[in-house]
Each structure stands twice: as structure tokens, then as C-alpha cells.
Amino acid sequence: MISNEQAEAIIANCDGLLELEAAFVARDWMTPGRRLGLDESQYDAGKRGWVCERWLASTTPASNRIPVEGEGLSFVRTASGPVQLDELVKAVPSSIMGEEYAATHSGLGRLAKIFDYGERVPFHIHPPTEQAEALGLNSKDEAYYFLPSSDLGLHPESFFGVHPSLREEEAADRLVGHLKKWDGDRVLEMSRAYHLYSEGGYFVPSGVLHAPGTALTLELQEDSDAMAFLQASCGEVLLDKELLLGAFDTHTQEQIGERAILDWVDWELNRLADFHSVFHIDPAVISDAEGVEIAWLFWGGEKFSSKRVRLTPGSSVTLAENGVYSLLVWTGDVSIGGRRMSGGTPGKDELLVTARRAVEGIEYVNTSDVMAEVILFFGPDINPESPIIDVPICSNS
């Protein structure tokens, strides 16, 4: 572990702007879409599967069948070599997050990712807060933004929830029947798919059954890698049933079996008449002047938020934010607080901004001849003014 003195020196030397190396994650249950900018040979991770995710400003280790030390964690670039971001946050939380925020939050509390899949993600679910805590896990509300791209992949649609015509008891019995059979992807017949569109997105609460499509996707979520798969195959990849009940203890698996997962399902949300009309989240413009557009990108809940900043060539803006955040330069060359950043260049496109620098304000300057797009990621309770989705109560019997 890094010492407090070493951590403080790192923050001082970079004046609160921490440059991050790219963190790539392999999955053995998914084939890659090959849109992360890697060389062809770098996508193949052998027995560990394929690289199909990039995690951003991450303090969360990846939960994989074959563990690799440090996988999923972001590293801060320093003069003496890379340092794990999570160790830096643990060593000097007040210097990273601000004294007041650090007193009430144990960490950054959010995880951003780019996921790049060759097949649709298997039908799965994340545990809501109460159920997650009972298992020693974190819940996982999440939100998606389909990055500007003409390549939406083989399956440009995502499944959410179940058909609203299904009564709760009927839906539960059908789901358990599919899980006991554990064969193919027939479980998707219970759900409805919604077509994906570039620069659109969704907010997906924990407890919602879903199968995300193949659009190149930016995701912001709670600080968790907890999930249960409900689908036995994904394309040509067969999924081990351990991925269904692995989060539960042996007694629960033996005595309750597949029905244990029903405790994670929020039937009110899953049986909404139209999931899209409630939970789609297009960018919500905050301001647009002098060549700079600022919009809420990820919004809908209280556990995280995000802003998208677009700058025309030569334009600039000084942004003062409420607290610590990380950022990704998606397109263009941008000077950020004097740091020269470049979209599409892993290792030169990602920063963590400490609370002090965030509140003081940082100048962003588009130094390229194309539109620059920078995305800012915030944890819980930093932007209480971000829009919240008003969820209706399901009226179906």
C-alpha cells in the first residue's frame, strides 16, 4: 500500500489532475465487438475469454472466473511508475474527494465503462440494495449512452423487463422454468426488445431483467460487478450455471435453487407497460452558447450523474463543479487545466479531477479542428440538481 505522504506528493505534483492509464477487462461469457482501438491480437485473452470492456477511473476489481490481479482497476501515471487509483483514494480520501464528502462516503461510489460486445449481453439482473447488502454485495443501478457510431453491431436492440400482460406469479413461474431447463436463449421470449439509436440511452434500476444490445456503449453505474445471468448461451458461447446462483450460499442453492433469484426481481418495474417511455434518457441540454454545449448525459437516479461537454474548434469554457469527478475525452484534442488530452488515444484521454480542482474550476480548450466531446462522471450526492425519473406504479393486475 502507498503511504499517506507518497499519496499527498502525487496529488501535489499533478496539481489535483490525475492522468490515468487505460484499464481493459476480459470476459469469458462474451465475444468482442473489436471497437476499443486495440490491435487484433490484443482482444484474445486465452482461457480468460476476450477483451470487450474498458473501465474508466475504476476503483472496482473485475469479478471473473479466472481472476487476474489488478484487472478492472485504474492506475495513475506518476514519475515513479503507475499507482493504483483505489490505493490513492484509500490513503488520502479527503485530498481526493474533499473533507466533507469523504466523511460521509467510503469511496468514489461509481464505475464508468465502455462495453464493446460482439453478441447481445445474456439476459441478467443486478441485486437491489437490500438484497445486495444481505449477500455482502453492492447494488448496481446503471445507465447507458450509445456512443456516436454508425456501427451498432449484430443486435442493435436491448431487452428490458417482461411482457406487461404477464401476471407476476405467471412471470415468476415462467422464469424459473427457463432457469431449471438452462438451455439456449429461449428465456428472451418473456421480454420485449427496444431498438438502439446513436446518442440515445437508458437508465436501468437494479432489479430489472435486461439484455443489452451490441451498440458501442458507455455505461455509468454504482460501484459493483454483481450480477446473475439468466440465459444459458450467448451466440456460440455456453454459460456455466454457476453464473446464475454463484452469489448465493450453498444452503440457498440447495434448498431454494433457481427460485432464489426471484428475490432480486422488482416486478413493478419489470411489468411497466412501456419501459422505454419511462427509462430512456436522451442528453438533456443545460446550456448552449459560444460554441460550447453542456448537457446532462447520465441522469435519472440519485446514485450517479454525468455531463457531456461539446466544444467547437477553438472554443473554450471554464467549468467549476460541485466535487470530485473523472472524465473521458471521446473526440478531439483538448487542453484541460493545461493538460494536453486526445480522444481515441488510451492513456491520453482520461483524468481524475480532485474535489479542490473541481470546485476551483478548470479551463477546457478545444485545440483541434474537429468537434471535441468530453464526458464527466460524478458519484452519488455530488449533483443533486440532475434530473430524476418519476417512476409510475404498475397498474396491471
Foldseek 3Di string as FASTA:
>chain_A
DDALVVLVVQCVVVVQKFFKFKAWAAAQAFAFLPPLLDDPVQQQPDPRHGTFKIKFCAPAAADYPDGDPPHNWIWTQDPVGTDTSNVSCQNCVCFFWNDVVVVPDVGQFKIKMWGATQFWAFWKFFFAAVVQVVLVFHTKWKKKFQADDPDCHDWQKKWKFFALQADPVRLLVLLLVLQVVLDARVNCVRTDIDGHDHQKMWTGGGQMTMIGGRGGIMMMITNGNGMAGSHQHIVPRGDDNCSHCVSDDPVCCVPVNNSVCVVRHDNQQRNANDNCVQIMDHWAWPDDDDQKTKTWRDFADQFKTKIKIKGAAFDKDKAAFQTKKKKFWQAAWKQKQNQTAHHPDRSRGIIIGGGVDNRVIIMITGNGNGMIMMMIIGGGPRCPPGDHGDDDGDPRD
